[in-house]
C-alpha atoms as a PDB file:
ATOM      1  CA  MET A   1     143.944-117.919 256.104  1.00  0.00           C
ATOM      2  CA  VAL A   2     146.349-119.111 258.801  1.00  0.00           C
ATOM      3  CA  THR A   3     149.331-121.112 257.622  1.00  0.00           C
ATOM      4  CA  PRO A   4     150.131-124.360 259.457  1.00  0.00           C
ATOM      5  CA  ALA A   5     153.467-123.013 260.712  1.00  0.00           C
ATOM      6  CA  ARG A   6     151.795-120.131 262.573  1.00  0.00           C
ATOM      7  CA  ARG A   7     148.799-122.029 263.887  1.00  0.00           C
ATOM      8  CA  GLY A   8     150.444-123.130 267.149  1.00  0.00           C
ATOM      9  CA  THR A   9     151.995-119.781 268.056  1.00  0.00           C
ATOM     10  CA  GLN A  10     148.975-117.586 267.505  1.00  0.00           C
ATOM     11  CA  GLY A  11     147.921-115.732 270.671  1.00  0.00           C
ATOM     12  CA  LYS A  12     150.704-117.222 272.792  1.00  0.00           C
ATOM     13  CA  ARG A  13     153.297-114.487 272.713  1.00  0.00           C
ATOM     14  CA  LYS A  14     155.992-114.989 275.315  1.00  0.00           C
ATOM     15  CA  GLU A  15     156.472-112.036 277.602  1.00  0.00           C
ATOM     16  CA  ARG A  16     159.642-111.566 279.585  1.00  0.00           C
ATOM     17  CA  GLU A  17     159.350-111.521 283.340  1.00  0.00           C
ATOM     18  CA  ARG A  18     160.050-108.013 284.559  1.00  0.00           C
ATOM     19  CA  PRO A  19     160.662-107.066 288.160  1.00  0.00           C
ATOM     20  CA  ARG A  20     157.619-105.435 289.666  1.00  0.00           C
ATOM     21  CA  VAL A  21     159.568-102.786 291.561  1.00  0.00           C
ATOM     22  CA  TYR A  22     162.714-101.193 290.185  1.00  0.00           C
ATOM     23  CA  ALA A  23     164.404 -97.817 290.382  1.00  0.00           C
ATOM     24  CA  ILE A  24     166.816 -95.655 288.460  1.00  0.00           C
ATOM     25  CA  VAL A  25     169.494 -94.416 290.874  1.00  0.00           C
ATOM     26  CA  ARG A  26     172.422 -92.031 290.565  1.00  0.00           C
ATOM     27  CA  CYS A  27     175.735 -93.512 291.575  1.00  0.00           C
ATOM     28  CA  GLY A  28     179.198 -92.329 290.635  1.00  0.00           C
ATOM     29  CA  GLY A  29     178.058 -89.804 288.029  1.00  0.00           C
ATOM     30  CA  ARG A  30     176.027 -92.430 286.161  1.00  0.00           C
ATOM     31  CA  GLN A  31     172.475 -93.686 286.295  1.00  0.00           C
ATOM     32  CA  GLU A  32     171.832 -97.371 286.964  1.00  0.00           C
ATOM     33  CA  LYS A  33     168.646 -99.438 286.802  1.00  0.00           C
ATOM     34  CA  VAL A  34     168.380-101.530 289.966  1.00  0.00           C
ATOM     35  CA  ALA A  35     165.902-104.085 291.284  1.00  0.00           C
ATOM     36  CA  LEU A  36     165.605-105.883 294.611  1.00  0.00           C
ATOM     37  CA  ASP A  37     168.332-108.506 295.371  1.00  0.00           C
ATOM     38  CA  GLU A  38     170.290-107.513 292.259  1.00  0.00           C
ATOM     39  CA  VAL A  39     174.097-107.163 292.289  1.00  0.00           C
ATOM     40  CA  VAL A  40     175.223-104.042 290.423  1.00  0.00           C
ATOM     41  CA  THR A  41     178.757-102.896 289.592  1.00  0.00           C
ATOM     42  CA  VAL A  42     179.229 -99.154 290.184  1.00  0.00           C
ATOM     43  CA  ASP A  43     182.201 -96.782 290.434  1.00  0.00           C
ATOM     44  CA  LYS A  44     184.377 -97.125 293.536  1.00  0.00           C
ATOM     45  CA  LEU A  45     182.505 -96.229 296.741  1.00  0.00           C
ATOM     46  CA  PRO A  46     184.030 -95.515 300.150  1.00  0.00           C
ATOM     47  CA  GLY A  47     183.206 -98.183 302.714  1.00  0.00           C
ATOM     48  CA  GLU A  48     184.056-101.720 303.699  1.00  0.00           C
ATOM     49  CA  THR A  49     182.558-105.013 302.579  1.00  0.00           C
ATOM     50  CA  GLY A  50     179.259-105.586 304.387  1.00  0.00           C
ATOM     51  CA  SER A  51     178.535-101.927 305.105  1.00  0.00           C
ATOM     52  CA  SER A  52     175.310-100.302 303.936  1.00  0.00           C
ATOM     53  CA  VAL A  53     174.989 -97.503 301.377  1.00  0.00           C
ATOM     54  CA  THR A  54     171.998 -95.306 300.518  1.00  0.00           C
ATOM     55  CA  LEU A  55     171.576 -94.259 296.874  1.00  0.00           C
ATOM     56  CA  PRO A  56     169.324 -91.377 295.709  1.00  0.00           C
ATOM     57  CA  ALA A  57     166.441 -92.484 293.487  1.00  0.00           C
ATOM     58  CA  LEU A  58     165.646 -90.542 290.303  1.00  0.00           C
ATOM     59  CA  LEU A  59     162.715 -92.672 289.118  1.00  0.00           C
ATOM     60  CA  VAL A  60     160.742 -95.478 290.755  1.00  0.00           C
ATOM     61  CA  VAL A  61     158.502 -97.984 288.953  1.00  0.00           C
ATOM     62  CA  ASP A  62     156.127 -99.875 291.238  1.00  0.00           C
ATOM     63  CA  GLY A  63     154.115-102.263 289.074  1.00  0.00           C
ATOM     64  CA  GLU A  64     152.020-100.054 286.790  1.00  0.00           C
ATOM     65  CA  ARG A  65     152.784 -96.873 288.776  1.00  0.00           C
ATOM     66  CA  VAL A  66     155.700 -94.713 287.582  1.00  0.00           C
ATOM     67  CA  ILE A  67     156.928 -92.140 290.107  1.00  0.00           C
ATOM     68  CA  SER A  68     159.033 -89.377 288.574  1.00  0.00           C
ATOM     69  CA  ASP A  69     157.894 -86.249 290.436  1.00  0.00           C
ATOM     70  CA  PRO A  70     160.981 -84.909 292.288  1.00  0.00           C
ATOM     71  CA  ALA A  71     158.985 -84.167 295.439  1.00  0.00           C
ATOM     72  CA  GLU A  72     157.596 -87.698 295.614  1.00  0.00           C
ATOM     73  CA  VAL A  73     160.755 -89.504 294.454  1.00  0.00           C
ATOM     74  CA  GLY A  74     162.741 -87.652 297.123  1.00  0.00           C
ATOM     75  CA  ARG A  75     160.937 -89.735 299.772  1.00  0.00           C
ATOM     76  CA  TYR A  76     162.178 -93.002 298.249  1.00  0.00           C
ATOM     77  CA  LEU A  77     165.452 -94.534 299.371  1.00  0.00           C
ATOM     78  CA  VAL A  78     167.400 -97.343 297.736  1.00  0.00           C
ATOM     79  CA  THR A  79     169.546 -99.196 300.253  1.00  0.00           C
ATOM     80  CA  ALA A  80     172.412-101.461 299.200  1.00  0.00           C
ATOM     81  CA  ASP A  81     175.081-103.564 300.909  1.00  0.00           C
ATOM     82  CA  ILE A  82     178.650-103.535 299.617  1.00  0.00           C
ATOM     83  CA  VAL A  83     179.565-107.011 298.350  1.00  0.00           C
ATOM     84  CA  GLY A  84     183.181-106.255 297.452  1.00  0.00           C
ATOM     85  CA  ASP A  85     185.638-104.423 295.252  1.00  0.00           C
ATOM     86  CA  THR A  86     186.549-105.399 291.707  1.00  0.00           C
ATOM     87  CA  ALA A  87     188.559-104.026 288.801  1.00  0.00           C
ATOM     88  CA  GLY A  88     187.535-103.552 285.201  1.00  0.00           C
ATOM     89  CA  PRO A  89     189.349-104.836 282.139  1.00  0.00           C
ATOM     90  CA  LYS A  90     192.892-103.699 281.389  1.00  0.00           C
ATOM     91  CA  ILE A  91     193.056-100.819 278.908  1.00  0.00           C
ATOM     92  CA  ASN A  92     196.338-100.538 276.998  1.00  0.00           C
ATOM     93  CA  MET A  93     197.419 -97.187 275.566  1.00  0.00           C
ATOM     94  CA  ILE A  94     200.345 -96.646 273.219  1.00  0.00           C
ATOM     95  CA  HIS A  95     201.792 -93.218 272.356  1.00  0.00           C
ATOM     96  CA  TYR A  96     203.906 -93.084 269.221  1.00  0.00           C
ATOM     97  CA  ARG A  97     205.415 -90.183 267.291  1.00  0.00           C
ATOM     98  CA  ASN A  98     206.691 -90.839 263.809  1.00  0.00           C
ATOM     99  CA  LYS A  99     210.405 -90.366 262.974  1.00  0.00           C
ATOM    100  CA  THR A 100     211.419 -89.362 266.508  1.00  0.00           C
ATOM    101  CA  GLY A 101     211.867 -92.665 268.336  1.00  0.00           C
ATOM    102  CA  TYR A 102     209.175 -91.674 270.850  1.00  0.00           C
ATOM    103  CA  ARG A 103     207.179 -94.661 272.153  1.00  0.00           C
ATOM    104  CA  ARG A 104     205.304 -94.987 275.440  1.00  0.00           C
ATOM    105  CA  ARG A 105     203.095 -97.808 276.683  1.00  0.00           C
ATOM    106  CA  LEU A 106     200.560 -97.204 279.460  1.00  0.00           C
ATOM    107  CA  GLY A 107     197.937 -99.398 281.130  1.00  0.00           C
ATOM    108  CA  HIS A 108     194.921 -98.751 283.344  1.00  0.00           C
ATOM    109  CA  ARG A 109     192.323-100.789 285.255  1.00  0.00           C
ATOM    110  CA  GLN A 110     189.316 -98.882 286.612  1.00  0.00           C
ATOM    111  CA  LYS A 111     188.288 -99.724 290.198  1.00  0.00           C
ATOM    112  CA  TYR A 112     184.641-100.688 290.839  1.00  0.00           C
ATOM    113  CA  THR A 113     182.461-101.674 293.792  1.00  0.00           C
ATOM    114  CA  GLN A 114     179.800-104.373 293.634  1.00  0.00           C
ATOM    115  CA  VAL A 115     176.644-103.674 295.650  1.00  0.00           C
ATOM    116  CA  ARG A 116     173.562-105.814 296.360  1.00  0.00           C
ATOM    117  CA  ILE A 117     170.258-103.920 296.484  1.00  0.00           C
ATOM    118  CA  THR A 118     168.472-104.745 299.759  1.00  0.00           C
ATOM    119  CA  SER A 119     165.459-102.425 299.733  1.00  0.00           C
ATOM    120  CA  ILE A 120     163.568 -99.925 297.619  1.00  0.00           C
ATOM    121  CA  GLY A 121     161.011 -97.944 299.594  1.00  0.00           C
ATOM    122  CA  THR A 122     159.970 -94.767 301.333  1.00  0.00           C
ATOM    123  CA  GLU A 123     161.867 -93.218 304.236  1.00  0.00           C
ATOM    124  CA  GLY A 124     161.228 -95.289 307.353  1.00  0.00           C
ATOM    125  CA  SER A 125     157.964 -95.889 309.145  1.00  0.00           C
ATOM    126  CA  ASP A 126     158.284 -92.750 311.303  1.00  0.00           C
ATOM    127  CA  THR A 127     156.256 -90.655 308.868  1.00  0.00           C
ATOM    128  CA  LYS A 128     153.560 -93.338 308.747  1.00  0.00           C
ATOM    129  CA  GLY A 129     153.389 -93.484 312.560  1.00  0.00           C
ATOM    130  CA  LYS A 130     152.917 -89.706 312.846  1.00  0.00           C
ATOM    131  CA  ALA A 131     150.231 -89.687 310.161  1.00  0.00           C
ATOM    132  CA  GLU A 132     148.272 -92.401 312.004  1.00  0.00           C
ATOM    133  CA  ALA A 133     148.602 -90.645 315.361  1.00  0.00           C
ATOM    134  CA  LYS A 134     146.782 -87.500 314.230  1.00  0.00           C
ATOM    135  CA  PRO A 135     143.414 -89.154 313.418  1.00  0.00           C
ATOM    136  CA  LYS A 136     143.475 -90.955 316.798  1.00  0.00           C
ATOM    137  CA  ALA A 137     144.079 -87.665 318.612  1.00  0.00           C
ATOM    138  CA  ARG A 138     141.200 -86.064 316.692  1.00  0.00           C
ATOM    139  CA  ALA A 139     138.920 -88.999 317.553  1.00  0.00           C
ATOM    140  CA  LYS A 140     139.735 -88.664 321.270  1.00  0.00           C
ATOM    141  CA  ALA A 141     139.125 -84.908 321.147  1.00  0.00           C
ATOM    142  CA  SER A 142     135.765 -85.351 319.416  1.00  0.00           C
ATOM    143  CA  ALA A 143     134.762 -88.088 321.907  1.00  0.00           C
ATOM    144  CA  GLN A 144     135.555 -85.788 324.857  1.00  0.00           C
ATOM    145  CA  ALA A 145     133.609 -82.955 323.223  1.00  0.00           C
ATOM    146  CA  GLN A 146     130.533 -85.174 322.858  1.00  0.00           C
ATOM    147  CA  GLU A 147     130.728 -86.247 326.541  1.00  0.00           C
ATOM    148  CA  ASP A 148     130.800 -82.631 327.763  1.00  0.00           C
END
């Protein structure tokens, strides 16, 4: 028997919208999950604001397809543009030794770079162009052989 409180919610489970294509990339000794048009904060990268950076992909999820084979993932590139530099929160450290009068106060702010992911895909269209050229060459060769 279904109680009145549950009657309206039965079969209508809300599912969160997930990006269809995302990747796990290595950046600054850490792994980050990135999706298209997402701004991610990573460890400080060399480069100026507006320049482009390529990050190596470790895993790519394209809809229902999960690509984790190193040979196949190696073809994928994640390209990002540097949005700007930022700093993390201030970390205060205090050194104290009892009965000696020794006290030291230190502070630190880690430097970060914010990047916007612009593309997740395979290496250029050059490999696709070469793969398409071979069947055309074979078709021309077979057509000439039939004429002779």
